[in-house]
Amino acid sequence: SARFAGDGASDAERTKKLLTALSSTSDVDRRARFVCAIAIFDSKSNSIKVFEGKCDGRIAHTPKGTNGFGYDPIFIPDGYSETFGSMDSAVKQEMSHRGRAIRAARDFLGQLCEGTA
């Protein structure tokens, strides 16, 4: 997604290109999903643990809000009417793909430090 509009394109340029590509697309076909994966190597078990967070939603017709970065101003998570870009940061982090992946990785690291993982 970072290279969608070419190397060196700004967030605004990527957003504009995506909205242009979707300009004749109905709301039903504007489904989207943010995904974040975090990998941690566990030297005890000599294995890699992968933690994934997902957030489903849809692409808005116009950008709204200045919070966040990337596609946040055009991503509306399921169950909400406002974009990530216009949401309070604490609300966004509770449901975001990054927040979910980070919490899962944090829980694993806590267990690892306690010796219960």
C-alpha atoms as a PDB file:
ATOM      1  CA  SER A   1       0.000   0.000   0.000  1.00  0.00           C
ATOM      2  CA  ALA A   2       2.919   2.371   0.596  1.00  0.00           C
ATOM      3  CA  ARG A   3       3.987   1.984  -3.038  1.00  0.00           C
ATOM      4  CA  PHE A   4       0.465   2.123  -4.516  1.00  0.00           C
ATOM      5  CA  ALA A   5       1.041   5.518  -6.174  1.00  0.00           C
ATOM      6  CA  GLY A   6       4.744   4.913  -6.855  1.00  0.00           C
ATOM      7  CA  ASP A   7       7.926   5.263  -4.853  1.00  0.00           C
ATOM      8  CA  GLY A   8       8.091   8.506  -2.922  1.00  0.00           C
ATOM      9  CA  ALA A   9       4.369   9.304  -3.217  1.00  0.00           C
ATOM     10  CA  SER A  10       2.852  11.128  -0.256  1.00  0.00           C
ATOM     11  CA  ASP A  11      -0.101   9.911   1.808  1.00  0.00           C
ATOM     12  CA  ALA A  12      -2.263  12.485   0.023  1.00  0.00           C
ATOM     13  CA  GLU A  13      -1.146  11.244  -3.401  1.00  0.00           C
ATOM     14  CA  ARG A  14      -1.856   7.601  -2.508  1.00  0.00           C
ATOM     15  CA  THR A  15      -5.254   8.542  -1.113  1.00  0.00           C
ATOM     16  CA  LYS A  16      -6.119  10.559  -4.214  1.00  0.00           C
ATOM     17  CA  LYS A  17      -5.112   7.689  -6.514  1.00  0.00           C
ATOM     18  CA  LEU A  18      -7.214   5.200  -4.535  1.00  0.00           C
ATOM     19  CA  LEU A  19     -10.275   7.461  -4.444  1.00  0.00           C
ATOM     20  CA  THR A  20      -9.942   8.086  -8.183  1.00  0.00           C
ATOM     21  CA  ALA A  21      -9.725   4.333  -8.846  1.00  0.00           C
ATOM     22  CA  LEU A  22     -12.844   3.773  -6.720  1.00  0.00           C
ATOM     23  CA  SER A  23     -14.797   6.801  -7.992  1.00  0.00           C
ATOM     24  CA  SER A  24     -17.418   4.734  -9.806  1.00  0.00           C
ATOM     25  CA  THR A  25     -17.513   1.962  -7.174  1.00  0.00           C
ATOM     26  CA  SER A  26     -20.636   1.466  -5.064  1.00  0.00           C
ATOM     27  CA  ASP A  27     -20.531   1.460  -1.270  1.00  0.00           C
ATOM     28  CA  VAL A  28     -21.045  -2.322  -1.281  1.00  0.00           C
ATOM     29  CA  ASP A  29     -17.824  -2.778  -3.236  1.00  0.00           C
ATOM     30  CA  ARG A  30     -15.702  -0.412  -1.117  1.00  0.00           C
ATOM     31  CA  ARG A  31     -14.915  -3.005   1.567  1.00  0.00           C
ATOM     32  CA  ALA A  32     -11.418  -2.808   3.045  1.00  0.00           C
ATOM     33  CA  ARG A  33      -9.278  -4.432   5.701  1.00  0.00           C
ATOM     34  CA  PHE A  34      -6.212  -3.227   7.539  1.00  0.00           C
ATOM     35  CA  VAL A  35      -3.868  -6.018   8.652  1.00  0.00           C
ATOM     36  CA  CYS A  36      -0.809  -5.843  10.901  1.00  0.00           C
ATOM     37  CA  ALA A  37       1.541  -8.738  11.633  1.00  0.00           C
ATOM     38  CA  ILE A  38       4.226  -8.763  14.317  1.00  0.00           C
ATOM     39  CA  ALA A  39       6.780 -11.572  14.444  1.00  0.00           C
ATOM     40  CA  ILE A  40       8.796 -12.400  17.566  1.00  0.00           C
ATOM     41  CA  PHE A  41      11.547 -14.978  17.733  1.00  0.00           C
ATOM     42  CA  ASP A  42      11.306 -17.117  20.880  1.00  0.00           C
ATOM     43  CA  SER A  43      14.820 -18.386  21.606  1.00  0.00           C
ATOM     44  CA  LYS A  44      13.491 -20.768  24.285  1.00  0.00           C
ATOM     45  CA  SER A  45      11.495 -22.803  21.793  1.00  0.00           C
ATOM     46  CA  ASN A  46      13.593 -21.756  18.782  1.00  0.00           C
ATOM     47  CA  SER A  47      10.417 -20.674  17.011  1.00  0.00           C
ATOM     48  CA  ILE A  48       8.828 -17.601  15.550  1.00  0.00           C
ATOM     49  CA  LYS A  49       5.519 -16.432  16.980  1.00  0.00           C
ATOM     50  CA  VAL A  50       3.354 -14.304  14.707  1.00  0.00           C
ATOM     51  CA  PHE A  51       0.621 -12.041  16.053  1.00  0.00           C
ATOM     52  CA  GLU A  52      -1.914 -10.610  13.639  1.00  0.00           C
ATOM     53  CA  GLY A  53      -4.440  -7.846  14.051  1.00  0.00           C
ATOM     54  CA  LYS A  54      -7.223  -7.079  11.582  1.00  0.00           C
ATOM     55  CA  CYS A  55      -9.736  -4.284  11.241  1.00  0.00           C
ATOM     56  CA  ASP A  56     -12.503  -4.498   8.652  1.00  0.00           C
ATOM     57  CA  GLY A  57     -14.273  -1.506   7.237  1.00  0.00           C
ATOM     58  CA  ARG A  58     -14.909   0.437   4.065  1.00  0.00           C
ATOM     59  CA  ILE A  59     -13.361   3.236   2.035  1.00  0.00           C
ATOM     60  CA  ALA A  60     -15.075   6.624   2.320  1.00  0.00           C
ATOM     61  CA  HIS A  61     -15.785   8.761  -0.740  1.00  0.00           C
ATOM     62  CA  THR A  62     -13.826  11.727   0.605  1.00  0.00           C
ATOM     63  CA  PRO A  63     -11.090  12.122   3.238  1.00  0.00           C
ATOM     64  CA  LYS A  64     -12.164  13.284   6.700  1.00  0.00           C
ATOM     65  CA  GLY A  65      -9.928  14.095   9.637  1.00  0.00           C
ATOM     66  CA  THR A  66      -6.249  14.743  10.164  1.00  0.00           C
ATOM     67  CA  ASN A  67      -5.443  12.212  12.900  1.00  0.00           C
ATOM     68  CA  GLY A  68      -3.236   9.269  12.042  1.00  0.00           C
ATOM     69  CA  PHE A  69      -1.498   8.787   8.722  1.00  0.00           C
ATOM     70  CA  GLY A  70      -1.710   6.858   5.475  1.00  0.00           C
ATOM     71  CA  TYR A  71      -5.242   5.851   4.599  1.00  0.00           C
ATOM     72  CA  ASP A  72      -6.704   6.782   8.013  1.00  0.00           C
ATOM     73  CA  PRO A  73      -8.722   9.744   6.605  1.00  0.00           C
ATOM     74  CA  ILE A  74     -10.630   7.423   4.218  1.00  0.00           C
ATOM     75  CA  PHE A  75     -10.971   4.223   6.275  1.00  0.00           C
ATOM     76  CA  ILE A  76     -14.261   3.797   8.171  1.00  0.00           C
ATOM     77  CA  PRO A  77     -14.157   0.781  10.517  1.00  0.00           C
ATOM     78  CA  ASP A  78     -17.209  -1.482  10.688  1.00  0.00           C
ATOM     79  CA  GLY A  79     -19.750  -0.256  13.221  1.00  0.00           C
ATOM     80  CA  TYR A  80     -18.660   3.385  12.967  1.00  0.00           C
ATOM     81  CA  SER A  81     -19.608   6.325  10.794  1.00  0.00           C
ATOM     82  CA  GLU A  82     -16.367   8.286  11.117  1.00  0.00           C
ATOM     83  CA  THR A  83     -12.948   7.624   9.623  1.00  0.00           C
ATOM     84  CA  PHE A  84      -9.851   6.644  11.571  1.00  0.00           C
ATOM     85  CA  GLY A  85      -8.580  10.114  10.648  1.00  0.00           C
ATOM     86  CA  SER A  86     -11.413  11.809  12.512  1.00  0.00           C
ATOM     87  CA  MET A  87     -11.531   9.474  15.540  1.00  0.00           C
ATOM     88  CA  ASP A  88     -10.047  10.085  18.935  1.00  0.00           C
ATOM     89  CA  SER A  89      -6.686   8.271  19.044  1.00  0.00           C
ATOM     90  CA  ALA A  90      -7.637   6.176  22.094  1.00  0.00           C
ATOM     91  CA  VAL A  91     -10.811   4.899  20.390  1.00  0.00           C
ATOM     92  CA  LYS A  92      -8.897   4.120  17.201  1.00  0.00           C
ATOM     93  CA  GLN A  93      -6.141   2.208  19.013  1.00  0.00           C
ATOM     94  CA  GLU A  94      -8.703   0.045  20.780  1.00  0.00           C
ATOM     95  CA  MET A  95      -9.978  -1.356  17.472  1.00  0.00           C
ATOM     96  CA  SER A  96      -7.109  -0.825  15.063  1.00  0.00           C
ATOM     97  CA  HIS A  97      -5.181  -3.628  13.438  1.00  0.00           C
ATOM     98  CA  ARG A  98      -1.937  -2.347  14.941  1.00  0.00           C
ATOM     99  CA  GLY A  99      -3.415  -2.073  18.422  1.00  0.00           C
ATOM    100  CA  ARG A 100      -4.764  -5.621  18.270  1.00  0.00           C
ATOM    101  CA  ALA A 101      -1.453  -7.082  17.057  1.00  0.00           C
ATOM    102  CA  ILE A 102       0.572  -5.120  19.598  1.00  0.00           C
ATOM    103  CA  ARG A 103      -1.656  -6.213  22.497  1.00  0.00           C
ATOM    104  CA  ALA A 104      -1.331  -9.867  21.466  1.00  0.00           C
ATOM    105  CA  ALA A 105       2.464  -9.559  21.181  1.00  0.00           C
ATOM    106  CA  ARG A 106       2.626  -7.694  24.500  1.00  0.00           C
ATOM    107  CA  ASP A 107       0.656 -10.459  26.211  1.00  0.00           C
ATOM    108  CA  PHE A 108       3.018 -13.084  24.806  1.00  0.00           C
ATOM    109  CA  LEU A 109       6.097 -11.122  25.891  1.00  0.00           C
ATOM    110  CA  GLY A 110       4.616 -10.743  29.381  1.00  0.00           C
ATOM    111  CA  GLN A 111       4.103 -14.499  29.607  1.00  0.00           C
ATOM    112  CA  LEU A 112       7.606 -15.075  28.256  1.00  0.00           C
ATOM    113  CA  CYS A 113       9.096 -12.815  30.930  1.00  0.00           C
ATOM    114  CA  GLU A 114       7.063 -14.572  33.633  1.00  0.00           C
ATOM    115  CA  GLY A 115       8.124 -17.962  32.292  1.00  0.00           C
ATOM    116  CA  THR A 116       4.565 -19.078  31.534  1.00  0.00           C
ATOM    117  CA  ALA A 117       4.856 -18.998  27.725  1.00  0.00           C
END
